[in-house]
Amino acid sequence: MTDVQLAVRIGVIGLRNHAERLKIILEGRDDCQVCFLYHPSKKIDDIRSTNDISDIYEMDAVFITSPNDTHVKYIELLLKNSNAYIFCEKPPATNEIELKILQDMTDNDKKRIFFNFNFRFSQLNEIIETQLATNEIGKIINIVIIASQGLAFKDNYVGSWRADGEKNLHNIIETVSIHYLDLLNFHFIIKEIIYRPSLVSGKGTSFDTSHLFITYQNGVTATIFNSYATPYVNEVFIIGTNGYCLLENDNLQIRYPRDTFDSKGFFITPSKSVNCEFNMKKNYEQSLKNSIDYFVRCIKNKTNIDIKYYDISIKTNQQILDLKKNHN
């Protein structure tokens, strides 16, 4: 689809940061045309910049990348005034009232809304799916996720929105942990979850570290550790009854079987291994492109967005709200 007239016409709500990242991806596609860049008050030096929201009502799709507390407002406006498909960045809602509005929407409305979380179409998700399907490492019993960096010690951190405890006390669970929680929600049902936030660096007033301890209904346990107060670490460790998967230092290692012994009959590291390059940053970037590809494909084929994505978005959002409520 190279003819501009046949391209998916797109409006973007938001002008910078993630909006710019999405715009670059969309403009790199032959089947998409970004027609309007909407902001309620600001304008940029771009002929597509507009302050009139009605400009985007006739679009085939609208991407919402505005502040989190505006997501539901824009979704309601678009559902009322437009037939556009809606691609909205996470989280769907910032409070219980907004979440109830989303929960009560009709199935027809839900099926044209896609909430974007980082790992839904990622290689990391594929690894979990493959291990669950093939049983190569046996029954998965434990998952450890660590994603951290030293952001809190940078000079500009204290004055940033992330460090403002009055407005963003739980910023790290809302911006980082939420994606990993959502990823695991696609594969397991939570039985119990414990949230342990802390301010480790002493910089600012919001929590800079989050630790989630999760038990799932099938017996799998998981920990998700995220922090702005450590050296850079990006690791995922999936342990099964017959082997393990380890994502570490831009490398994926799968080792099995469990019954690997030395000459004296003692257990040693499983002998069979698969090693390949795995870059978490590239994994995120490709996952975002894959999410957009799925969304655009639904528009072009005039098909509904699978409602499971909507339902799990609401579930993840509710879990985050519940965890925050218990630590305010």
Protein backbone atom coordinates (compact mmCIF):
# COMPACT_ATOMS: atom_id res chain seq x y z
CA MET A 1 0.00 0.00 0.00
CA THR A 2 2.10 2.90 -1.28
CA ASP A 3 -0.65 5.18 -2.57
CA VAL A 4 -1.15 7.99 -0.02
CA GLN A 5 -4.91 7.84 -0.65
CA LEU A 6 -4.93 4.23 0.54
CA ALA A 7 -2.69 4.82 3.53
CA VAL A 8 -4.07 4.64 7.06
CA ARG A 9 -4.70 8.27 8.09
CA ILE A 10 -3.40 8.94 11.58
CA GLY A 11 -3.71 11.67 14.19
CA VAL A 12 -1.31 11.83 17.14
CA ILE A 13 -2.27 13.41 20.47
CA GLY A 14 0.97 14.64 21.99
CA LEU A 15 3.99 16.41 20.53
CA ARG A 16 7.23 15.21 22.09
CA ASN A 17 9.07 12.30 23.74
CA HIS A 18 7.11 9.09 23.12
CA ALA A 19 4.86 10.85 20.60
CA GLU A 20 7.96 11.63 18.56
CA ARG A 21 9.15 8.01 18.84
CA LEU A 22 5.82 6.72 17.54
CA LYS A 23 5.70 9.34 14.78
CA ILE A 24 9.11 8.24 13.48
CA ILE A 25 7.97 4.60 13.32
CA LEU A 26 4.70 5.51 11.61
CA GLU A 27 6.39 7.79 9.08
CA GLY A 28 8.73 4.93 8.20
CA ARG A 29 5.77 2.84 7.03
CA ASP A 30 4.45 3.03 3.46
CA ASP A 31 0.94 2.18 4.62
CA CYS A 32 0.56 5.03 7.14
CA GLN A 33 0.19 8.79 6.82
CA VAL A 34 0.48 11.01 9.92
CA CYS A 35 -1.95 13.83 9.10
CA PHE A 36 -2.31 15.75 12.39
CA LEU A 37 -0.26 16.34 15.55
CA TYR A 38 -2.71 17.56 18.18
CA HIS A 39 -2.06 19.41 21.43
CA PRO A 40 -4.73 21.45 23.29
CA SER A 41 -2.52 24.57 23.55
CA LYS A 42 0.99 24.12 22.14
CA LYS A 43 2.05 24.22 18.51
CA ILE A 44 5.25 23.11 16.86
CA ASP A 45 6.86 24.13 13.58
CA ASP A 46 5.06 21.48 11.57
CA ILE A 47 2.24 22.01 9.09
CA ARG A 48 0.38 19.10 10.72
CA SER A 49 0.33 20.74 14.18
CA THR A 50 -3.18 21.61 15.37
CA ASN A 51 -5.04 22.82 18.47
CA ASP A 52 -8.43 21.82 17.06
CA ILE A 53 -9.32 18.33 18.24
CA SER A 54 -12.04 17.98 15.60
CA ASP A 55 -9.25 17.69 13.02
CA ILE A 56 -8.47 14.19 14.23
CA TYR A 57 -12.06 12.94 14.37
CA GLU A 58 -12.04 11.92 10.69
CA MET A 59 -8.82 9.93 10.98
CA ASP A 60 -8.68 6.14 10.59
CA ALA A 61 -6.63 5.92 13.79
CA VAL A 62 -5.57 8.12 16.69
CA PHE A 63 -2.50 7.58 18.88
CA ILE A 64 -2.86 8.93 22.44
CA THR A 65 0.52 9.79 24.00
CA SER A 66 -0.65 12.61 26.27
CA PRO A 67 -0.21 12.71 30.10
CA ASN A 68 -1.67 9.64 31.82
CA ASP A 69 -4.50 11.53 33.52
CA THR A 70 -5.88 12.63 30.11
CA HIS A 71 -6.16 9.18 28.51
CA VAL A 72 -9.76 8.42 29.47
CA LYS A 73 -10.94 11.92 28.55
CA TYR A 74 -9.57 11.55 25.03
CA ILE A 75 -10.87 8.01 24.66
CA GLU A 76 -14.38 9.19 25.55
CA LEU A 77 -14.17 12.09 23.08
CA LEU A 78 -13.01 9.82 20.28
CA LEU A 79 -15.64 7.17 20.93
CA LYS A 80 -18.35 9.82 20.87
CA ASN A 81 -17.18 11.83 17.86
CA SER A 82 -15.14 9.47 15.72
CA ASN A 83 -15.00 6.00 14.22
CA ALA A 84 -11.21 5.89 14.57
CA TYR A 85 -9.29 3.00 16.04
CA ILE A 86 -7.48 4.11 19.20
CA PHE A 87 -3.89 3.30 20.19
CA CYS A 88 -3.34 4.52 23.76
CA GLU A 89 -0.16 4.37 25.78
CA LYS A 90 -0.27 2.75 29.21
CA PRO A 91 -1.66 3.07 31.80
CA PRO A 92 -5.27 3.17 30.65
CA ALA A 93 -6.43 5.00 33.81
CA THR A 94 -4.93 6.77 36.81
CA ASN A 95 -7.74 6.21 39.34
CA GLU A 96 -10.69 3.96 40.14
CA ILE A 97 -13.29 6.31 38.62
CA GLU A 98 -11.51 6.36 35.25
CA LEU A 99 -10.97 2.62 35.35
CA LYS A 100 -14.68 2.01 36.01
CA ILE A 101 -15.51 4.08 32.92
CA LEU A 102 -13.27 1.81 30.85
CA GLN A 103 -14.64 -1.36 32.44
CA ASP A 104 -18.22 -0.33 31.63
CA MET A 105 -17.63 0.36 27.93
CA THR A 106 -19.39 -1.81 25.37
CA ASP A 107 -17.52 -4.69 23.75
CA ASN A 108 -17.80 -2.92 20.38
CA ASP A 109 -15.97 0.10 21.76
CA LYS A 110 -13.39 -2.03 23.55
CA LYS A 111 -12.56 -3.84 20.31
CA ARG A 112 -11.26 -0.68 18.64
CA ILE A 113 -8.97 0.32 21.51
CA PHE A 114 -5.43 -0.99 21.97
CA PHE A 115 -3.47 -0.11 25.13
CA ASN A 116 0.26 -0.35 24.54
CA PHE A 117 2.51 -2.15 27.02
CA ASN A 118 6.19 -2.77 26.25
CA PHE A 119 6.45 -6.56 26.02
CA ARG A 120 3.23 -7.85 24.47
CA PHE A 121 4.76 -8.49 21.05
CA SER A 122 8.33 -8.95 22.23
CA GLN A 123 10.90 -11.69 21.86
CA LEU A 124 10.78 -12.01 25.65
CA ASN A 125 7.09 -12.89 25.40
CA GLU A 126 7.88 -15.41 22.66
CA ILE A 127 10.48 -17.09 24.90
CA ILE A 128 7.92 -17.58 27.67
CA GLU A 129 5.32 -18.85 25.18
CA THR A 130 7.83 -21.30 23.66
CA GLN A 131 8.93 -22.70 27.01
CA LEU A 132 5.33 -23.15 28.14
CA ALA A 133 4.49 -24.92 24.88
CA THR A 134 7.56 -27.14 24.44
CA ASN A 135 8.35 -28.01 28.06
CA GLU A 136 12.04 -27.84 27.07
CA ILE A 137 13.08 -26.58 30.50
CA GLY A 138 10.29 -28.50 32.20
CA LYS A 139 7.54 -26.94 34.26
CA ILE A 140 8.32 -23.29 34.97
CA ILE A 141 8.48 -22.74 38.74
CA ASN A 142 10.19 -19.38 39.24
CA ILE A 143 10.80 -16.17 37.27
CA VAL A 144 13.20 -13.43 38.38
CA ILE A 145 13.18 -10.08 36.58
CA ILE A 146 15.67 -7.32 37.37
CA ALA A 147 15.67 -4.01 35.48
CA SER A 148 17.55 -1.20 37.18
CA GLN A 149 19.89 1.74 36.61
CA GLY A 150 21.42 4.68 38.48
CA LEU A 151 19.05 7.40 37.24
CA ALA A 152 18.44 8.76 40.76
CA PHE A 153 22.09 9.81 41.02
CA LYS A 154 22.07 11.98 37.90
CA ASP A 155 22.17 15.73 38.54
CA ASN A 156 18.82 16.45 36.89
CA TYR A 157 16.86 13.71 38.68
CA VAL A 158 15.83 15.61 41.83
CA GLY A 159 14.07 18.33 39.83
CA SER A 160 12.30 15.89 37.52
CA TRP A 161 8.73 14.63 37.69
CA ARG A 162 10.00 11.16 38.61
CA ALA A 163 11.39 12.41 41.93
CA ASP A 164 8.26 14.34 42.97
CA GLY A 165 6.66 12.22 45.70
CA GLU A 166 3.65 14.51 46.04
CA LYS A 167 2.57 13.90 42.43
CA ASN A 168 4.38 10.70 41.49
CA LEU A 169 5.11 8.74 44.66
CA HIS A 170 4.92 5.38 42.85
CA ASN A 171 6.48 6.49 39.57
CA ILE A 172 8.76 3.46 39.19
CA ILE A 173 6.02 0.85 39.49
CA GLU A 174 3.82 2.90 37.15
CA THR A 175 6.49 3.42 34.48
CA VAL A 176 8.68 0.29 34.68
CA SER A 177 7.23 -2.55 36.77
CA ILE A 178 3.81 -2.29 35.12
CA HIS A 179 5.21 -3.64 31.82
CA TYR A 180 6.67 -6.79 33.38
CA LEU A 181 3.54 -7.35 35.46
CA ASP A 182 1.45 -7.07 32.29
CA LEU A 183 3.73 -9.50 30.44
CA LEU A 184 3.27 -12.19 33.08
CA ASN A 185 -0.49 -11.51 33.23
CA PHE A 186 -0.70 -12.97 29.71
CA HIS A 187 0.55 -16.34 30.92
CA PHE A 188 -0.41 -16.71 34.58
CA ILE A 189 -3.21 -15.75 36.97
CA ILE A 190 -2.14 -13.98 40.16
CA LYS A 191 -3.02 -15.56 43.50
CA GLU A 192 -1.10 -13.14 45.74
CA ILE A 193 1.10 -10.11 45.19
CA ILE A 194 3.24 -8.19 47.68
CA TYR A 195 4.65 -4.74 46.91
CA ARG A 196 7.70 -3.36 48.72
CA PRO A 197 8.59 0.18 47.55
CA SER A 198 11.47 2.18 49.00
CA LEU A 199 13.50 5.36 48.59
CA VAL A 200 17.09 4.08 48.51
CA SER A 201 19.05 6.98 47.02
CA GLY A 202 17.74 9.70 49.34
CA LYS A 203 17.21 11.80 46.21
CA GLY A 204 13.79 13.39 45.80
CA THR A 205 10.65 12.26 47.61
CA SER A 206 9.20 9.49 45.42
CA PHE A 207 10.05 5.80 45.66
CA ASP A 208 13.08 5.03 43.49
CA THR A 209 12.95 1.25 44.03
CA SER A 210 10.15 -1.30 43.67
CA HIS A 211 10.10 -4.99 44.56
CA LEU A 212 7.13 -7.21 43.69
CA PHE A 213 6.73 -10.75 45.09
CA ILE A 214 4.10 -12.71 43.17
CA THR A 215 2.50 -16.14 43.55
CA TYR A 216 0.37 -17.42 40.68
CA GLN A 217 -2.52 -19.87 40.85
CA ASN A 218 -0.54 -22.65 39.13
CA GLY A 219 2.22 -22.42 41.74
CA VAL A 220 4.70 -20.34 39.72
CA THR A 221 6.42 -17.63 41.77
CA ALA A 222 8.02 -14.45 40.44
CA THR A 223 9.92 -11.42 41.64
CA ILE A 224 10.13 -8.16 39.74
CA PHE A 225 12.83 -5.77 40.96
CA ASN A 226 13.15 -2.29 39.48
CA SER A 227 15.28 0.57 40.73
CA TYR A 228 16.79 3.94 39.82
CA ALA A 229 19.40 3.53 42.56
CA THR A 230 21.71 0.75 41.29
CA PRO A 231 24.17 0.10 38.47
CA TYR A 232 22.62 -0.91 35.15
CA VAL A 233 21.17 -4.42 35.37
CA ASN A 234 18.76 -5.99 32.88
CA GLU A 235 18.24 -9.69 33.53
CA VAL A 236 15.49 -12.28 33.31
CA PHE A 237 15.94 -15.74 34.85
CA ILE A 238 13.30 -18.41 34.15
CA ILE A 239 13.80 -21.62 36.13
CA GLY A 240 12.05 -24.86 35.25
CA THR A 241 12.14 -28.41 36.58
CA ASN A 242 14.38 -29.54 33.69
CA GLY A 243 16.49 -26.47 32.92
CA TYR A 244 16.56 -22.68 32.78
CA CYS A 245 16.59 -19.61 30.52
CA LEU A 246 18.87 -16.73 31.42
CA LEU A 247 18.84 -13.31 29.73
CA GLU A 248 21.99 -11.53 30.85
CA ASN A 249 24.49 -9.10 29.33
CA ASP A 250 22.76 -9.06 25.93
CA ASN A 251 22.83 -12.85 25.72
CA LEU A 252 20.13 -15.52 25.93
CA GLN A 253 21.24 -18.84 27.37
CA ILE A 254 18.99 -21.90 27.60
CA ARG A 255 20.41 -24.91 29.46
CA TYR A 256 18.97 -28.39 30.00
CA PRO A 257 18.44 -31.22 30.99
CA ARG A 258 18.34 -31.32 34.78
CA ASP A 259 19.86 -34.82 34.93
CA THR A 260 23.42 -33.86 34.02
CA PHE A 261 26.10 -35.37 36.26
CA ASP A 262 29.86 -35.39 36.75
CA SER A 263 31.97 -38.57 36.92
CA LYS A 264 31.03 -39.02 40.58
CA GLY A 265 27.31 -38.77 39.97
CA PHE A 266 26.86 -35.24 41.37
CA PHE A 267 24.56 -32.74 39.63
CA ILE A 268 26.36 -30.17 37.49
CA THR A 269 25.24 -27.37 35.18
CA PRO A 270 22.99 -28.82 32.47
CA SER A 271 25.07 -29.88 29.47
CA LYS A 272 22.91 -28.90 26.49
CA SER A 273 22.83 -25.19 25.77
CA VAL A 274 21.48 -22.66 23.28
CA ASN A 275 23.18 -19.27 23.15
CA CYS A 276 22.18 -16.26 21.09
CA GLU A 277 22.33 -12.47 21.18
CA PHE A 278 19.49 -10.80 23.05
CA ASN A 279 19.49 -7.03 23.51
CA MET A 280 16.75 -5.73 25.84
CA LYS A 281 16.75 -2.25 24.28
CA LYS A 282 16.33 -3.69 20.79
CA ASN A 283 13.72 -6.08 22.21
CA TYR A 284 11.67 -3.10 23.41
CA GLU A 285 12.06 -1.19 20.14
CA GLN A 286 11.04 -4.17 18.05
CA SER A 287 8.11 -4.93 20.36
CA LEU A 288 6.82 -1.37 19.86
CA LYS A 289 7.07 -1.78 16.09
CA ASN A 290 5.30 -5.14 16.32
CA SER A 291 2.49 -3.59 18.41
CA ILE A 292 1.99 -0.87 15.81
CA ASP A 293 2.08 -3.49 13.06
CA TYR A 294 -0.67 -5.49 14.76
CA PHE A 295 -2.76 -2.34 15.30
CA VAL A 296 -2.40 -1.13 11.70
CA ARG A 297 -3.14 -4.61 10.36
CA CYS A 298 -6.47 -4.62 12.24
CA ILE A 299 -7.37 -1.28 10.67
CA LYS A 300 -6.43 -2.33 7.13
CA ASN A 301 -8.29 -5.64 7.45
CA LYS A 302 -11.25 -3.93 9.15
CA THR A 303 -11.10 -6.45 11.99
CA ASN A 304 -11.61 -6.03 15.71
CA ILE A 305 -8.68 -5.77 18.07
CA ASP A 306 -8.60 -8.97 20.15
CA ILE A 307 -10.49 -8.07 23.32
CA LYS A 308 -8.00 -10.06 25.44
CA TYR A 309 -5.58 -7.14 25.09
CA TYR A 310 -8.19 -4.76 26.51
CA ASP A 311 -9.17 -7.09 29.35
CA ILE A 312 -5.59 -7.74 30.45
CA SER A 313 -4.84 -4.00 30.27
CA ILE A 314 -7.66 -3.34 32.73
CA LYS A 315 -6.50 -6.19 34.97
CA THR A 316 -2.90 -4.88 35.07
CA ASN A 317 -4.14 -1.34 35.68
CA GLN A 318 -6.33 -2.52 38.58
CA GLN A 319 -3.42 -4.38 40.15
CA ILE A 320 -1.24 -1.28 40.06
CA LEU A 321 -3.99 0.89 41.59
CA ASP A 322 -4.54 -1.67 44.36
CA LEU A 323 -0.82 -1.83 45.18
CA LYS A 324 -0.52 1.96 45.30
CA LYS A 325 -3.59 2.28 47.52
CA ASN A 326 -1.98 0.10 50.17
CA HIS A 327 1.22 2.20 50.28
CA ASN A 328 0.06 5.83 50.22
